[in-house]
Amino acid sequence: WGFDRVHIIKHADGGDYTYSQADYGAAYAAAHDGTRNSVTQAIRSVVYLRPGLMIVHDQAQTANANVRKIFNLNFSGPLTRNGAVFSMTKGASKLFMSSVLPANPNPTFGTVTEGGITSHKYQVTETGATQSNFLHVFEAGATSVGAATPATLVATADNLGQGVELTTGGFNRVVLFARKDREIPATSISYA
């Protein structure tokens, strides 16, 4: 994959949260056959809200709208679905994944076995636009946890930023990400 081409752009640890942003664009733009492809930007931003919530935002931009943008995950067990919330139980632990973008995903599922280990694949594919954004909230807990923390899509008034609103630990939190660039202009931060 050429991970020498992946660059951590930003990182911050604020005590009850950790934030990181990486630029994967060069790793995707240089196709593995040596031919440059249509990827113009691939940025992943991750926010970890202690003790058990992780928010992942992916921006994928291509020069050609027909290029497939795929959000791919592998889980150690099969997923169950309740609307846009997927969950998996392993031992005494449970993992929830809420798909905020796309809001109504149409994933494909499958299994992959390598070295005697089977993974359960989740993929969402988008085409028809030069820009795609994927936004997911992951929550880890005990099997006794009955439901994922509700995550509501929010956007800045000028639509340059998007993110989630959640209530955790008695606090209402809003986490915003840039839709097309590495950051939201400071003058743009108000949301509806």
C-alpha atoms as a PDB file:
ATOM      1  CA  TRP A   1       0.000   0.000   0.000  1.00  0.00           C
ATOM      2  CA  GLY A   2       2.947   2.323   0.236  1.00  0.00           C
ATOM      3  CA  PHE A   3       2.432   3.414   3.813  1.00  0.00           C
ATOM      4  CA  ASP A   4       5.529   5.573   3.476  1.00  0.00           C
ATOM      5  CA  ARG A   5       3.143   7.786   1.494  1.00  0.00           C
ATOM      6  CA  VAL A   6       0.635   8.118   4.381  1.00  0.00           C
ATOM      7  CA  HIS A   7       1.146  11.246   6.458  1.00  0.00           C
ATOM      8  CA  ILE A   8      -0.249  12.054   9.906  1.00  0.00           C
ATOM      9  CA  ILE A   9      -1.313  15.666   9.448  1.00  0.00           C
ATOM     10  CA  LYS A  10      -2.701  16.435  12.897  1.00  0.00           C
ATOM     11  CA  HIS A  11      -2.779  14.874  16.332  1.00  0.00           C
ATOM     12  CA  ALA A  12      -4.071  16.141  19.670  1.00  0.00           C
ATOM     13  CA  ASP A  13      -4.708  14.544  23.049  1.00  0.00           C
ATOM     14  CA  GLY A  14      -7.105  16.520  25.205  1.00  0.00           C
ATOM     15  CA  GLY A  15      -7.489  14.185  28.174  1.00  0.00           C
ATOM     16  CA  ASP A  16     -11.041  12.969  27.545  1.00  0.00           C
ATOM     17  CA  TYR A  17     -10.481  12.842  23.777  1.00  0.00           C
ATOM     18  CA  THR A  18      -7.796  12.073  21.212  1.00  0.00           C
ATOM     19  CA  TYR A  19      -7.864  13.354  17.631  1.00  0.00           C
ATOM     20  CA  SER A  20      -5.820  12.344  14.603  1.00  0.00           C
ATOM     21  CA  GLN A  21      -5.972  13.065  10.884  1.00  0.00           C
ATOM     22  CA  ALA A  22      -4.043  11.251   8.160  1.00  0.00           C
ATOM     23  CA  ASP A  23      -3.649  11.900   4.440  1.00  0.00           C
ATOM     24  CA  TYR A  24      -3.730   8.637   2.449  1.00  0.00           C
ATOM     25  CA  GLY A  25      -4.042  10.326  -0.939  1.00  0.00           C
ATOM     26  CA  ALA A  26      -0.564   9.481  -2.220  1.00  0.00           C
ATOM     27  CA  ALA A  27      -1.003   5.811  -1.272  1.00  0.00           C
ATOM     28  CA  TYR A  28      -4.169   5.545  -3.377  1.00  0.00           C
ATOM     29  CA  ALA A  29      -3.209   7.861  -6.225  1.00  0.00           C
ATOM     30  CA  ALA A  30      -0.163   5.778  -7.129  1.00  0.00           C
ATOM     31  CA  ALA A  31      -1.854   2.577  -8.233  1.00  0.00           C
ATOM     32  CA  HIS A  32      -0.013  -0.623  -7.494  1.00  0.00           C
ATOM     33  CA  ASP A  33       0.572  -1.281 -11.170  1.00  0.00           C
ATOM     34  CA  GLY A  34       2.599   1.951 -11.476  1.00  0.00           C
ATOM     35  CA  THR A  35      -0.163   3.875 -13.281  1.00  0.00           C
ATOM     36  CA  ARG A  36      -1.572   6.995 -11.638  1.00  0.00           C
ATOM     37  CA  ASN A  37      -5.301   6.736 -11.012  1.00  0.00           C
ATOM     38  CA  SER A  38      -8.131   9.210 -10.385  1.00  0.00           C
ATOM     39  CA  VAL A  39      -7.777   9.649  -6.587  1.00  0.00           C
ATOM     40  CA  THR A  40      -7.176  13.317  -5.758  1.00  0.00           C
ATOM     41  CA  GLN A  41      -7.630  13.149  -1.977  1.00  0.00           C
ATOM     42  CA  ALA A  42      -8.137  10.536   0.725  1.00  0.00           C
ATOM     43  CA  ILE A  43      -8.242  11.831   4.298  1.00  0.00           C
ATOM     44  CA  ARG A  44      -9.229   9.948   7.447  1.00  0.00           C
ATOM     45  CA  SER A  45     -10.008  11.765  10.685  1.00  0.00           C
ATOM     46  CA  VAL A  46     -10.511   9.861  13.937  1.00  0.00           C
ATOM     47  CA  VAL A  47     -11.794  11.152  17.283  1.00  0.00           C
ATOM     48  CA  TYR A  48     -11.698   8.886  20.337  1.00  0.00           C
ATOM     49  CA  LEU A  49     -13.970  10.013  23.175  1.00  0.00           C
ATOM     50  CA  ARG A  50     -12.971   8.202  26.329  1.00  0.00           C
ATOM     51  CA  PRO A  51     -13.958   5.715  27.549  1.00  0.00           C
ATOM     52  CA  GLY A  52     -15.485   3.913  24.563  1.00  0.00           C
ATOM     53  CA  LEU A  53     -16.588   5.992  21.536  1.00  0.00           C
ATOM     54  CA  MET A  54     -14.641   6.374  18.318  1.00  0.00           C
ATOM     55  CA  ILE A  55     -15.779   8.541  15.407  1.00  0.00           C
ATOM     56  CA  VAL A  56     -14.253   7.899  11.969  1.00  0.00           C
ATOM     57  CA  HIS A  57     -14.701  10.341   9.075  1.00  0.00           C
ATOM     58  CA  ASP A  58     -13.339   9.516   5.606  1.00  0.00           C
ATOM     59  CA  GLN A  59     -13.138  11.939   2.677  1.00  0.00           C
ATOM     60  CA  ALA A  60     -12.605  10.401  -0.719  1.00  0.00           C
ATOM     61  CA  GLN A  61     -12.218  12.612  -3.785  1.00  0.00           C
ATOM     62  CA  THR A  62     -11.579  11.505  -7.341  1.00  0.00           C
ATOM     63  CA  ALA A  63     -11.198  13.283 -10.679  1.00  0.00           C
ATOM     64  CA  ASN A  64     -13.687  10.864 -12.251  1.00  0.00           C
ATOM     65  CA  ALA A  65     -17.184  10.552 -10.730  1.00  0.00           C
ATOM     66  CA  ASN A  66     -17.446   6.928 -11.900  1.00  0.00           C
ATOM     67  CA  VAL A  67     -14.570   5.773  -9.679  1.00  0.00           C
ATOM     68  CA  ARG A  68     -15.883   3.622  -6.820  1.00  0.00           C
ATOM     69  CA  LYS A  69     -15.252   4.889  -3.299  1.00  0.00           C
ATOM     70  CA  ILE A  70     -15.405   1.941  -0.880  1.00  0.00           C
ATOM     71  CA  PHE A  71     -15.599   1.990   2.916  1.00  0.00           C
ATOM     72  CA  ASN A  72     -14.370  -1.441   3.987  1.00  0.00           C
ATOM     73  CA  LEU A  73     -14.218  -3.030   7.463  1.00  0.00           C
ATOM     74  CA  ASN A  74     -13.481  -6.509   8.748  1.00  0.00           C
ATOM     75  CA  PHE A  75     -14.982  -7.802  11.998  1.00  0.00           C
ATOM     76  CA  SER A  76     -14.137 -10.892  14.037  1.00  0.00           C
ATOM     77  CA  GLY A  77     -17.783 -11.992  14.076  1.00  0.00           C
ATOM     78  CA  PRO A  78     -20.979 -11.610  12.042  1.00  0.00           C
ATOM     79  CA  LEU A  79     -22.897  -8.335  12.254  1.00  0.00           C
ATOM     80  CA  THR A  80     -26.542  -7.857  13.123  1.00  0.00           C
ATOM     81  CA  ARG A  81     -28.416  -4.838  11.812  1.00  0.00           C
ATOM     82  CA  ASN A  82     -30.998  -2.507  13.313  1.00  0.00           C
ATOM     83  CA  GLY A  83     -31.568   0.333  10.833  1.00  0.00           C
ATOM     84  CA  ALA A  84     -28.223   2.127  10.347  1.00  0.00           C
ATOM     85  CA  VAL A  85     -26.727   0.521  13.489  1.00  0.00           C
ATOM     86  CA  PHE A  86     -24.709  -2.677  13.203  1.00  0.00           C
ATOM     87  CA  SER A  87     -23.462  -4.716  16.163  1.00  0.00           C
ATOM     88  CA  MET A  88     -21.240  -7.657  16.914  1.00  0.00           C
ATOM     89  CA  THR A  89     -20.775  -9.666  20.107  1.00  0.00           C
ATOM     90  CA  LYS A  90     -17.553 -11.469  20.987  1.00  0.00           C
ATOM     91  CA  GLY A  91     -17.220 -13.105  24.381  1.00  0.00           C
ATOM     92  CA  ALA A  92     -18.319 -10.583  27.048  1.00  0.00           C
ATOM     93  CA  SER A  93     -17.890  -7.598  24.702  1.00  0.00           C
ATOM     94  CA  LYS A  94     -20.164  -5.862  22.241  1.00  0.00           C
ATOM     95  CA  LEU A  95     -19.259  -3.463  19.437  1.00  0.00           C
ATOM     96  CA  PHE A  96     -21.739  -1.077  17.832  1.00  0.00           C
ATOM     97  CA  MET A  97     -21.149   0.731  14.558  1.00  0.00           C
ATOM     98  CA  SER A  98     -23.551   3.509  13.595  1.00  0.00           C
ATOM     99  CA  SER A  99     -23.457   4.583   9.958  1.00  0.00           C
ATOM    100  CA  VAL A 100     -24.107   8.333   9.979  1.00  0.00           C
ATOM    101  CA  LEU A 101     -22.968   8.832   6.357  1.00  0.00           C
ATOM    102  CA  PRO A 102     -24.349   7.215   4.395  1.00  0.00           C
ATOM    103  CA  ALA A 103     -27.453   7.458   6.581  1.00  0.00           C
ATOM    104  CA  ASN A 104     -29.133   4.452   4.951  1.00  0.00           C
ATOM    105  CA  PRO A 105     -26.241   2.250   3.878  1.00  0.00           C
ATOM    106  CA  ASN A 106     -26.643  -0.625   1.474  1.00  0.00           C
ATOM    107  CA  PRO A 107     -23.616  -2.675   2.496  1.00  0.00           C
ATOM    108  CA  THR A 108     -22.383  -5.916   1.090  1.00  0.00           C
ATOM    109  CA  PHE A 109     -21.288  -8.626   3.497  1.00  0.00           C
ATOM    110  CA  GLY A 110     -18.956 -11.543   3.095  1.00  0.00           C
ATOM    111  CA  THR A 111     -16.242 -13.549   4.772  1.00  0.00           C
ATOM    112  CA  VAL A 112     -12.529 -13.586   4.207  1.00  0.00           C
ATOM    113  CA  THR A 113     -10.304 -16.392   5.493  1.00  0.00           C
ATOM    114  CA  GLU A 114      -6.541 -16.021   5.694  1.00  0.00           C
ATOM    115  CA  GLY A 115      -4.149 -18.117   7.738  1.00  0.00           C
ATOM    116  CA  GLY A 116      -7.057 -20.018   9.274  1.00  0.00           C
ATOM    117  CA  ILE A 117      -8.698 -16.812  10.586  1.00  0.00           C
ATOM    118  CA  THR A 118     -12.107 -15.825   9.236  1.00  0.00           C
ATOM    119  CA  SER A 119     -13.149 -12.162   9.145  1.00  0.00           C
ATOM    120  CA  HIS A 120     -16.616 -10.834   8.418  1.00  0.00           C
ATOM    121  CA  LYS A 121     -16.501  -8.133   5.762  1.00  0.00           C
ATOM    122  CA  TYR A 122     -18.647  -4.981   5.618  1.00  0.00           C
ATOM    123  CA  GLN A 123     -18.399  -2.765   2.522  1.00  0.00           C
ATOM    124  CA  VAL A 124     -20.266   0.339   1.391  1.00  0.00           C
ATOM    125  CA  THR A 125     -19.603   1.557  -2.155  1.00  0.00           C
ATOM    126  CA  GLU A 126     -20.460   4.955  -3.614  1.00  0.00           C
ATOM    127  CA  THR A 127     -20.166   6.154  -7.217  1.00  0.00           C
ATOM    128  CA  GLY A 128     -21.623   8.958  -9.292  1.00  0.00           C
ATOM    129  CA  ALA A 129     -19.858  11.874  -7.585  1.00  0.00           C
ATOM    130  CA  THR A 130     -16.274  13.069  -7.364  1.00  0.00           C
ATOM    131  CA  GLN A 131     -16.618  13.468  -3.579  1.00  0.00           C
ATOM    132  CA  SER A 132     -17.821  10.923  -1.020  1.00  0.00           C
ATOM    133  CA  ASN A 133     -17.824  11.160   2.760  1.00  0.00           C
ATOM    134  CA  PHE A 134     -18.193   8.247   5.141  1.00  0.00           C
ATOM    135  CA  LEU A 135     -18.946   8.921   8.814  1.00  0.00           C
ATOM    136  CA  HIS A 136     -19.237   6.155  11.409  1.00  0.00           C
ATOM    137  CA  VAL A 137     -19.458   6.015  15.195  1.00  0.00           C
ATOM    138  CA  PHE A 138     -18.053   2.950  16.964  1.00  0.00           C
ATOM    139  CA  GLU A 139     -18.916   2.119  20.561  1.00  0.00           C
ATOM    140  CA  ALA A 140     -17.381  -0.687  22.586  1.00  0.00           C
ATOM    141  CA  GLY A 141     -18.962  -2.045  25.755  1.00  0.00           C
ATOM    142  CA  ALA A 142     -20.168  -5.075  27.631  1.00  0.00           C
ATOM    143  CA  THR A 143     -22.727  -7.448  26.117  1.00  0.00           C
ATOM    144  CA  SER A 144     -25.262  -6.025  28.585  1.00  0.00           C
ATOM    145  CA  VAL A 145     -25.313  -2.722  26.647  1.00  0.00           C
ATOM    146  CA  GLY A 146     -28.650  -2.787  24.833  1.00  0.00           C
ATOM    147  CA  ALA A 147     -28.258   0.003  22.288  1.00  0.00           C
ATOM    148  CA  ALA A 148     -25.703   2.306  20.700  1.00  0.00           C
ATOM    149  CA  THR A 149     -25.443   5.943  21.755  1.00  0.00           C
ATOM    150  CA  PRO A 150     -27.677   7.849  19.302  1.00  0.00           C
ATOM    151  CA  ALA A 151     -25.598   9.800  16.756  1.00  0.00           C
ATOM    152  CA  THR A 152     -27.260  12.618  14.820  1.00  0.00           C
ATOM    153  CA  LEU A 153     -25.775  14.078  11.639  1.00  0.00           C
ATOM    154  CA  VAL A 154     -25.040  17.806  11.879  1.00  0.00           C
ATOM    155  CA  ALA A 155     -23.567  20.242   9.370  1.00  0.00           C
ATOM    156  CA  THR A 156     -22.201  23.757   9.521  1.00  0.00           C
ATOM    157  CA  ALA A 157     -24.541  26.452   8.218  1.00  0.00           C
ATOM    158  CA  ASP A 158     -22.383  26.878   5.083  1.00  0.00           C
ATOM    159  CA  ASN A 159     -22.113  23.073   4.636  1.00  0.00           C
ATOM    160  CA  LEU A 160     -18.282  23.128   4.719  1.00  0.00           C
ATOM    161  CA  GLY A 161     -18.293  20.907   7.807  1.00  0.00           C
ATOM    162  CA  GLN A 162     -20.259  17.878   8.927  1.00  0.00           C
ATOM    163  CA  GLY A 163     -20.209  15.623  11.938  1.00  0.00           C
ATOM    164  CA  VAL A 164     -22.188  14.090  14.745  1.00  0.00           C
ATOM    165  CA  GLU A 165     -24.032  15.222  17.816  1.00  0.00           C
ATOM    166  CA  LEU A 166     -24.101  12.743  20.708  1.00  0.00           C
ATOM    167  CA  THR A 167     -24.865  12.742  24.407  1.00  0.00           C
ATOM    168  CA  THR A 168     -22.286  10.895  26.499  1.00  0.00           C
ATOM    169  CA  GLY A 169     -21.655  11.023  30.208  1.00  0.00           C
ATOM    170  CA  GLY A 170     -24.433  13.580  30.611  1.00  0.00           C
ATOM    171  CA  PHE A 171     -22.792  15.971  28.149  1.00  0.00           C
ATOM    172  CA  ASN A 172     -24.014  16.960  24.708  1.00  0.00           C
ATOM    173  CA  ARG A 173     -21.057  16.804  22.307  1.00  0.00           C
ATOM    174  CA  VAL A 174     -20.674  17.900  18.707  1.00  0.00           C
ATOM    175  CA  VAL A 175     -17.752  16.613  16.648  1.00  0.00           C
ATOM    176  CA  LEU A 176     -17.261  18.327  13.268  1.00  0.00           C
ATOM    177  CA  PHE A 177     -15.063  17.425  10.292  1.00  0.00           C
ATOM    178  CA  ALA A 178     -14.278  19.256   7.063  1.00  0.00           C
ATOM    179  CA  ARG A 179     -16.274  17.931   4.114  1.00  0.00           C
ATOM    180  CA  LYS A 180     -13.700  18.635   1.383  1.00  0.00           C
ATOM    181  CA  ASP A 181     -10.486  19.920   2.927  1.00  0.00           C
ATOM    182  CA  ARG A 182      -8.238  19.253   5.870  1.00  0.00           C
ATOM    183  CA  GLU A 183      -9.996  21.775   8.096  1.00  0.00           C
ATOM    184  CA  ILE A 184     -13.111  23.907   8.372  1.00  0.00           C
ATOM    185  CA  PRO A 185     -12.463  27.659   8.046  1.00  0.00           C
ATOM    186  CA  ALA A 186     -12.723  29.214  11.532  1.00  0.00           C
ATOM    187  CA  THR A 187     -15.316  31.722  10.316  1.00  0.00           C
ATOM    188  CA  SER A 188     -17.634  28.878   9.289  1.00  0.00           C
ATOM    189  CA  ILE A 189     -18.258  27.165  12.610  1.00  0.00           C
ATOM    190  CA  SER A 190     -21.920  27.439  13.440  1.00  0.00           C
ATOM    191  CA  TYR A 191     -24.242  24.543  12.915  1.00  0.00           C
ATOM    192  CA  ALA A 192     -27.949  23.988  12.539  1.00  0.00           C
END
